[in-house]
Every structure is written in structure tokens, then in C-alpha cells.
Amino acid sequence: MAHAHINHSNIHFRWSKNLSPVLTVKSGAELDFDLRDGFNNLVGPDTTAAQLPSLDYSQVDPAFGPVAIEGAEPGHVVRVDILELTPAPYGWTAVFPDFGLLSDEFRGPHLKIWDLTTVSEGYAEFNKGIRVPTRPFLGVMGLAPGQPGELSTIPPYDWGGNMDCKHLTVGSTLYLPVQAPGALFSCGDGHAAQGDGEVCGTAIETPIKARLRLTLEKDKPWVKSPHFLTCPEAEARADHRRGQEYAAVGIDADLLEATKKGVRGAIDWLCADKGLAREEAYMLCSVVGDLKVVEAVDMPHYAVACSIPLGIFVDEK
């Protein structure tokens, strides 16, 4: 049986239970999605940093769909199995004015265009001697909200949305709680790689083709927010092993400020030890740096680490 196909024309910028489904499928259906990137393909290989402030920001984080599932009712769960993800041959990382964890320190605009023709080899080159492991995933996967009205596609919600969870790679499974009849699944926002936290506000953004399986499950009452199961081979795959890391730890009574301090420390180290410009270090932290809450109980302070895998520095012994 041919797979159902969702294309560029099936686009929306708001979550709503009143959206008309593009199609209705039975539980267990496999679907092919042809997805534009997180800025609706307004950034391409020929875009310059100077053009970023004049882009149409209403085009951020488009979702594609929605797809209704027969019999889906509030209280059920949609299981999303990620079967295939194929990025475009290019991607981009940007620092936009007034956006990102350290937006007051990095005013932007800054832009890096990536060559993703090496994704099949498991990496994309940041600079000469720095190779970022590629782990394609979708930043946006979600269902319709149960409440009336329309909600932005930019933040995440209990029923999914723009979670930017780098662990939802091929072979992984996402569980989403149904809040509206039909579930109304949509997805988008392809990434080739990202660190936990996406600190500058963008990862390696890229158009992407996805194949997903949607299955209705009725026996998981504990799923009241997104839950996920990682790929069974996650630790065995070379591109999933981070190996030895260097981490800077931020300490503060405010969790957000502790996070900022950890990222600032990692940026300082990348500049001093690896010779990167500060804007380069900030973007590298976004695409490969992982944020970890390493301590959350010894009040009044939190400790947040920003860790960089040393294996990306391929010119070093």
C-alpha cells in the first residue's frame, strides 16, 4: 500500500482543534512528510546575515498537517515511531536579534550555512578541524490542544509542539497525549544536529523528508505530557557516543541564570582554548553543547553544566 503523503501546501502556524485534517488515517498508518525548515525555507544557501532582520518572522516554526487518526479520543495516546529522516544537502545556524539564551550579549545577526552532503558519513564540518556529529530529528511534533482557540507553534506544550528534543532520532518513539477528537498530528522543523538546550535559538536547521508511523494506544494513562523512548542502538552508534567532554558549570540561585553562566563558561573556553570567535563559540554550543542540571537539591543554588564533546576536534590527538 502506498504511503500517505503530506507536502508543503499542508502548512499551519497555529495549533487548534478546529483545523480541518489534511487526511484521516487508521491506527498504524505510515506517512511521508515533505517538510520545509523552521523558517519556512526563507533562509537558504545564498542568504546573508544582513538579510536576517528583514525576514518575515510570522513564518517561524511552521507545522505540516494535521492528520486525524480514526477513533482517537481524549485520554488516548498517539505513538509516533520515527522511521526515516532525510535532510536537505544544506542547513543553517543563526543568531537572531533579541532571541536566544544570551540574546542580551549576542545581538546578531550572525549566520552560518552548513554543507550537509556529508550527513551520510555522520558529520557536518563547522570549521576546518571541527566536525559536528549529525543526528537528524524533527523539532516539532504535536497534536491539537483540547482548549478552544489558537495557540502559537513556537513553544512546546503538554501535547507536544516545538520541543526541539534531539533524542527523537530514527528508531526512537514519541508518545503524545490526545486532547481533541481525531488527535490531529502535525510535525516540522527539521534539524541535522543540536545540543540539549539549543542555546543560541537555532540548531542546524534544514528542510527534511520524514517517514513516521502513527499508532493509537489506549492503555497509557500516565502519559499526560510528551514521553519518549530512545533508539535501541543509541549507545552503540558511533554518532551517538559523545566520549570525553569538557564542561563548564554555572552556579546560581536562579536556574536560568545558572544555565547562562554554564554556557558563558563554555564559550570562554572555546574562545581561549580553541581559538573560536565568540559568535562561533555560541553557535557551536547550540549545535553540539549539552546542558545538564547536575545539581538541583542543595538550595539555594542550582548547578548547570554545558558540556562539549572533545571528539569534534578532529585535528587534535
Protein backbone atom coordinates (compact mmCIF):
# COMPACT_ATOMS: atom_id res chain seq x y z
CA MET A 1 0.00 0.00 0.00
CA ALA A 2 1.32 3.46 -0.89
CA HIS A 3 2.22 5.69 1.99
CA ALA A 4 0.10 8.76 2.61
CA HIS A 5 2.00 11.95 1.77
CA ILE A 6 1.92 15.40 3.39
CA ASN A 7 3.50 18.17 1.31
CA HIS A 8 4.50 21.85 1.62
CA SER A 9 0.97 23.11 0.96
CA ASN A 10 -0.35 21.46 4.14
CA ILE A 11 1.10 24.16 6.38
CA HIS A 12 -0.17 25.96 9.51
CA PHE A 13 1.28 28.31 12.12
CA ARG A 14 -1.22 27.73 14.95
CA TRP A 15 -2.33 24.70 16.93
CA SER A 16 -6.12 24.33 17.06
CA LYS A 17 -8.64 21.54 17.44
CA ASN A 18 -10.70 23.33 14.77
CA LEU A 19 -8.18 22.79 11.96
CA SER A 20 -9.53 20.58 9.20
CA PRO A 21 -7.42 17.45 8.77
CA VAL A 22 -5.47 17.03 5.55
CA LEU A 23 -6.38 13.36 5.70
CA THR A 24 -7.69 10.76 8.12
CA VAL A 25 -5.78 7.51 8.62
CA LYS A 26 -6.22 4.29 10.53
CA SER A 27 -4.06 3.48 13.53
CA GLY A 28 -0.72 2.09 12.39
CA ALA A 29 -0.55 4.13 9.20
CA GLU A 30 2.84 5.20 7.82
CA LEU A 31 3.08 8.71 6.42
CA ASP A 32 5.67 10.58 4.34
CA PHE A 33 6.18 14.26 5.17
CA ASP A 34 7.99 16.71 2.86
CA LEU A 35 8.89 19.45 5.34
CA ARG A 36 10.23 22.96 4.99
CA ASP A 37 12.66 24.16 7.65
CA GLY A 38 11.90 26.07 10.85
CA PHE A 39 11.81 29.39 8.98
CA ASN A 40 9.63 28.10 6.11
CA ASN A 41 12.68 27.91 3.81
CA LEU A 42 13.21 31.69 3.89
CA VAL A 43 16.87 31.07 4.76
CA GLY A 44 18.86 29.31 2.05
CA PRO A 45 22.44 28.78 0.87
CA ASP A 46 22.58 32.30 -0.61
CA THR A 47 21.13 34.14 2.40
CA THR A 48 23.40 36.61 4.19
CA ALA A 49 23.40 37.60 7.86
CA ALA A 50 22.41 41.15 6.91
CA GLN A 51 19.14 39.84 5.49
CA LEU A 52 18.02 38.09 8.69
CA PRO A 53 16.39 41.08 10.45
CA SER A 54 14.16 41.81 7.44
CA LEU A 55 12.74 38.28 7.12
CA ASP A 56 9.04 37.63 7.77
CA TYR A 57 9.04 36.40 11.37
CA SER A 58 5.44 35.23 11.09
CA GLN A 59 6.89 32.27 9.15
CA VAL A 60 8.77 30.82 12.14
CA ASP A 61 8.10 27.19 13.18
CA PRO A 62 5.54 26.05 10.60
CA ALA A 63 3.81 22.73 11.24
CA PHE A 64 2.63 20.42 8.47
CA GLY A 65 -0.64 18.53 8.65
CA PRO A 66 -2.78 17.92 10.56
CA VAL A 67 -3.51 14.23 10.21
CA ALA A 68 -6.53 12.76 12.01
CA ILE A 69 -6.43 9.22 13.39
CA GLU A 70 -9.65 7.21 13.31
CA GLY A 71 -11.06 6.62 16.78
CA ALA A 72 -8.67 8.93 18.63
CA GLU A 73 -10.34 10.47 21.68
CA PRO A 74 -9.13 12.45 24.71
CA GLY A 75 -7.40 10.08 27.11
CA HIS A 76 -5.82 8.03 24.33
CA VAL A 77 -2.14 8.26 23.35
CA VAL A 78 -0.58 8.61 19.89
CA ARG A 79 2.60 6.61 19.47
CA VAL A 80 4.89 8.19 16.86
CA ASP A 81 7.61 5.90 15.52
CA ILE A 82 10.36 7.76 13.64
CA LEU A 83 11.22 5.55 10.67
CA GLU A 84 13.25 7.70 8.25
CA LEU A 85 14.68 11.24 8.23
CA THR A 86 16.49 12.67 5.21
CA PRO A 87 17.86 16.24 5.49
CA ALA A 88 18.43 18.57 2.55
CA PRO A 89 22.03 18.99 1.30
CA TYR A 90 22.34 22.28 3.19
CA GLY A 91 21.48 23.69 6.60
CA TRP A 92 21.96 26.86 8.62
CA THR A 93 22.54 28.16 12.12
CA ALA A 94 21.72 31.75 13.01
CA VAL A 95 21.82 34.22 15.86
CA PHE A 96 18.77 36.45 15.51
CA PRO A 97 18.49 39.81 17.29
CA ASP A 98 16.59 39.57 20.60
CA PHE A 99 16.42 35.77 20.52
CA GLY A 100 18.41 33.05 22.25
CA LEU A 101 19.59 32.30 25.77
CA LEU A 102 22.24 35.06 25.70
CA SER A 103 20.38 37.49 23.45
CA ASP A 104 21.49 40.46 25.54
CA GLU A 105 25.14 39.56 24.88
CA PHE A 106 24.93 38.37 21.26
CA ARG A 107 22.88 40.94 19.42
CA GLY A 108 23.31 39.40 15.97
CA PRO A 109 22.64 38.94 13.24
CA HIS A 110 25.06 36.08 12.59
CA LEU A 111 24.61 33.24 10.11
CA LYS A 112 26.43 30.03 9.22
CA ILE A 113 25.48 27.99 6.15
CA TRP A 114 26.35 24.28 6.50
CA ASP A 115 27.24 21.76 3.81
CA LEU A 116 25.17 18.67 4.73
CA THR A 117 26.33 16.45 1.88
CA THR A 118 28.43 14.57 4.46
CA VAL A 119 25.42 13.60 6.62
CA SER A 120 25.59 10.04 5.25
CA GLU A 121 29.12 9.92 6.72
CA GLY A 122 27.77 11.02 10.10
CA TYR A 123 29.07 14.58 10.37
CA ALA A 124 28.97 18.17 9.14
CA GLU A 125 32.02 20.41 9.20
CA PHE A 126 31.76 23.52 11.40
CA ASN A 127 35.23 24.86 10.67
CA LYS A 128 38.33 23.11 9.40
CA GLY A 129 39.20 20.57 12.06
CA ILE A 130 35.80 20.69 13.81
CA ARG A 131 33.28 18.05 12.78
CA VAL A 132 29.83 18.04 14.38
CA PRO A 133 28.13 14.61 14.53
CA THR A 134 24.83 14.72 12.64
CA ARG A 135 21.74 13.25 14.28
CA PRO A 136 18.68 14.34 12.26
CA PHE A 137 15.42 14.86 14.13
CA LEU A 138 12.19 16.87 13.99
CA GLY A 139 11.90 19.80 16.37
CA VAL A 140 8.11 19.95 16.03
CA MET A 141 5.77 17.01 16.61
CA GLY A 142 2.44 17.58 18.29
CA LEU A 143 -1.30 17.12 18.47
CA ALA A 144 -4.22 19.53 18.72
CA PRO A 145 -4.94 21.15 22.10
CA GLY A 146 -8.17 20.38 23.89
CA GLN A 147 -8.85 24.01 24.69
CA PRO A 148 -10.63 26.34 22.26
CA GLY A 149 -8.87 28.98 20.22
CA GLU A 150 -5.48 29.04 18.53
CA LEU A 151 -2.02 28.66 20.06
CA SER A 152 1.39 29.55 18.64
CA THR A 153 3.58 26.81 17.18
CA ILE A 154 6.71 28.37 18.73
CA PRO A 155 6.65 26.94 22.31
CA PRO A 156 6.19 23.33 23.47
CA TYR A 157 3.07 22.19 25.31
CA ASP A 158 1.85 19.14 27.24
CA TRP A 159 0.60 17.66 23.96
CA GLY A 160 3.87 18.25 22.09
CA GLY A 161 4.78 21.03 19.68
CA ASN A 162 8.17 22.68 19.31
CA MET A 163 10.06 20.52 21.82
CA ASP A 164 13.40 20.60 19.96
CA CYS A 165 14.31 17.27 21.56
CA LYS A 166 17.46 15.97 19.89
CA HIS A 167 16.86 12.41 21.15
CA LEU A 168 13.92 11.82 18.77
CA THR A 169 16.12 10.38 16.04
CA VAL A 170 15.40 7.48 13.67
CA GLY A 171 14.43 4.40 15.67
CA SER A 172 13.02 6.34 18.62
CA THR A 173 9.39 6.59 19.71
CA LEU A 174 7.40 9.56 20.95
CA TYR A 175 4.19 9.27 22.99
CA LEU A 176 1.73 12.18 22.92
CA PRO A 177 -1.49 12.51 24.97
CA VAL A 178 -4.63 13.05 22.89
CA GLN A 179 -6.66 16.07 23.97
CA ALA A 180 -9.01 16.53 20.99
CA PRO A 181 -11.05 14.09 18.88
CA GLY A 182 -9.00 12.74 15.98
CA ALA A 183 -5.72 13.73 17.71
CA LEU A 184 -4.73 15.92 14.69
CA PHE A 185 -0.99 15.24 14.40
CA SER A 186 1.40 17.70 12.73
CA CYS A 187 5.20 17.97 12.52
CA GLY A 188 8.04 20.07 11.12
CA ASP A 189 11.26 21.95 11.99
CA GLY A 190 13.95 19.61 10.67
CA HIS A 191 17.38 19.59 12.29
CA ALA A 192 20.61 17.86 11.29
CA ALA A 193 22.20 18.28 14.74
CA GLN A 194 21.59 20.09 18.02
CA GLY A 195 22.84 20.23 21.57
CA ASP A 196 20.48 19.78 24.50
CA GLY A 197 19.23 23.31 25.03
CA GLU A 198 19.66 24.84 21.53
CA VAL A 199 21.14 27.82 23.35
CA CYS A 200 21.55 30.36 20.52
CA GLY A 201 17.98 29.70 19.38
CA THR A 202 18.77 27.62 16.30
CA ALA A 203 20.35 24.24 15.61
CA ILE A 204 21.49 23.04 12.18
CA GLU A 205 18.16 23.96 10.59
CA THR A 206 17.28 22.14 7.38
CA PRO A 207 14.37 21.10 5.18
CA ILE A 208 13.78 17.41 5.73
CA LYS A 209 11.81 14.43 4.47
CA ALA A 210 10.32 12.22 7.18
CA ARG A 211 8.56 8.89 7.35
CA LEU A 212 6.57 8.32 10.53
CA ARG A 213 4.17 5.69 11.84
CA LEU A 214 1.16 6.83 13.90
CA THR A 215 -0.42 4.29 16.23
CA LEU A 216 -3.28 4.83 18.65
CA GLU A 217 -2.79 3.35 22.14
CA LYS A 218 -5.45 3.31 24.87
CA ASP A 219 -3.67 1.85 27.90
CA LYS A 220 -1.16 4.52 28.95
CA PRO A 221 -2.95 6.82 31.42
CA TRP A 222 0.39 8.00 32.81
CA VAL A 223 1.23 9.81 29.56
CA LYS A 224 -0.01 13.30 30.40
CA SER A 225 2.86 15.09 28.63
CA PRO A 226 5.31 14.01 25.92
CA HIS A 227 7.24 10.85 26.81
CA PHE A 228 9.84 9.21 24.58
CA LEU A 229 11.84 6.01 24.13
CA THR A 230 15.27 6.38 22.58
CA CYS A 231 16.59 4.31 19.71
CA PRO A 232 17.62 0.79 20.90
CA GLU A 233 21.04 1.24 19.29
CA ALA A 234 21.57 4.75 20.67
CA GLU A 235 24.65 3.90 22.72
CA ALA A 236 26.08 1.55 20.11
CA ARG A 237 26.07 4.05 17.25
CA ALA A 238 29.30 5.95 16.82
CA ASP A 239 27.47 9.23 16.17
CA HIS A 240 25.57 8.86 19.42
CA ARG A 241 28.60 8.40 21.68
CA ARG A 242 29.88 11.69 22.97
CA GLY A 243 33.03 10.30 24.56
CA GLN A 244 35.18 12.57 26.68
CA GLU A 245 33.68 16.00 27.30
CA TYR A 246 34.80 19.36 28.61
CA ALA A 247 32.13 21.10 30.70
CA ALA A 248 31.70 24.48 32.36
CA VAL A 249 29.36 24.56 35.38
CA GLY A 250 27.22 27.57 36.19
CA ILE A 251 26.17 28.08 39.81
CA ASP A 252 23.33 30.38 40.82
CA ALA A 253 20.19 30.57 42.96
CA ASP A 254 18.22 31.12 39.75
CA LEU A 255 18.08 28.11 37.41
CA LEU A 256 18.01 30.24 34.27
CA GLU A 257 20.98 32.33 35.41
CA ALA A 258 22.91 29.17 36.34
CA THR A 259 22.26 27.94 32.80
CA LYS A 260 23.53 31.19 31.29
CA LYS A 261 26.68 31.02 33.43
CA GLY A 262 27.39 27.48 32.26
CA VAL A 263 27.05 28.49 28.61
CA ARG A 264 29.20 31.60 29.12
CA GLY A 265 31.91 29.41 30.64
CA ALA A 266 31.85 27.01 27.69
CA ILE A 267 32.05 29.95 25.27
CA ASP A 268 35.01 31.40 27.15
CA TRP A 269 36.82 28.04 26.97
CA LEU A 270 36.13 27.58 23.24
CA CYS A 271 37.48 31.05 22.52
CA ALA A 272 40.57 30.72 24.72
CA ASP A 273 41.49 27.10 24.05
CA LYS A 274 40.18 26.50 20.52
CA GLY A 275 40.62 29.95 19.01
CA LEU A 276 36.99 30.50 18.03
CA ALA A 277 35.33 33.89 17.74
CA ARG A 278 32.67 34.42 20.42
CA GLU A 279 29.83 34.22 17.88
CA GLU A 280 31.25 30.96 16.52
CA ALA A 281 31.55 29.54 20.04
CA TYR A 282 27.95 30.50 20.84
CA MET A 283 26.63 28.76 17.72
CA LEU A 284 28.81 25.70 18.32
CA CYS A 285 27.37 25.43 21.85
CA SER A 286 23.91 25.46 20.29
CA VAL A 287 24.57 22.64 17.81
CA VAL A 288 26.72 20.33 19.95
CA GLY A 289 26.77 21.51 23.58
CA ASP A 290 24.57 19.65 26.07
CA LEU A 291 23.00 21.37 29.06
CA LYS A 292 22.74 19.20 32.15
CA VAL A 293 21.21 20.05 35.51
CA VAL A 294 23.91 18.38 37.57
CA GLU A 295 22.56 19.52 40.95
CA ALA A 296 19.05 20.66 41.91
CA VAL A 297 18.55 19.96 45.62
CA ASP A 298 21.24 21.76 47.61
CA MET A 299 19.43 25.04 47.93
CA PRO A 300 19.77 27.89 47.47
CA HIS A 301 21.92 27.11 44.42
CA TYR A 302 21.46 25.15 41.20
CA ALA A 303 24.35 23.78 39.13
CA VAL A 304 24.04 23.55 35.34
CA ALA A 305 26.82 22.19 33.11
CA CYS A 306 27.33 23.00 29.45
CA SER A 307 29.39 20.13 28.03
CA ILE A 308 31.27 19.95 24.71
CA PRO A 309 32.41 16.58 23.30
CA LEU A 310 36.12 16.65 22.58
CA GLY A 311 35.75 14.23 19.70
CA ILE A 312 34.54 17.02 17.41
CA PHE A 313 38.08 18.44 17.30
CA VAL A 314 39.41 16.06 14.67
CA ASP A 315 42.79 17.71 14.11
CA GLU A 316 43.88 17.04 17.69
CA LYS A 317 45.37 13.84 19.06
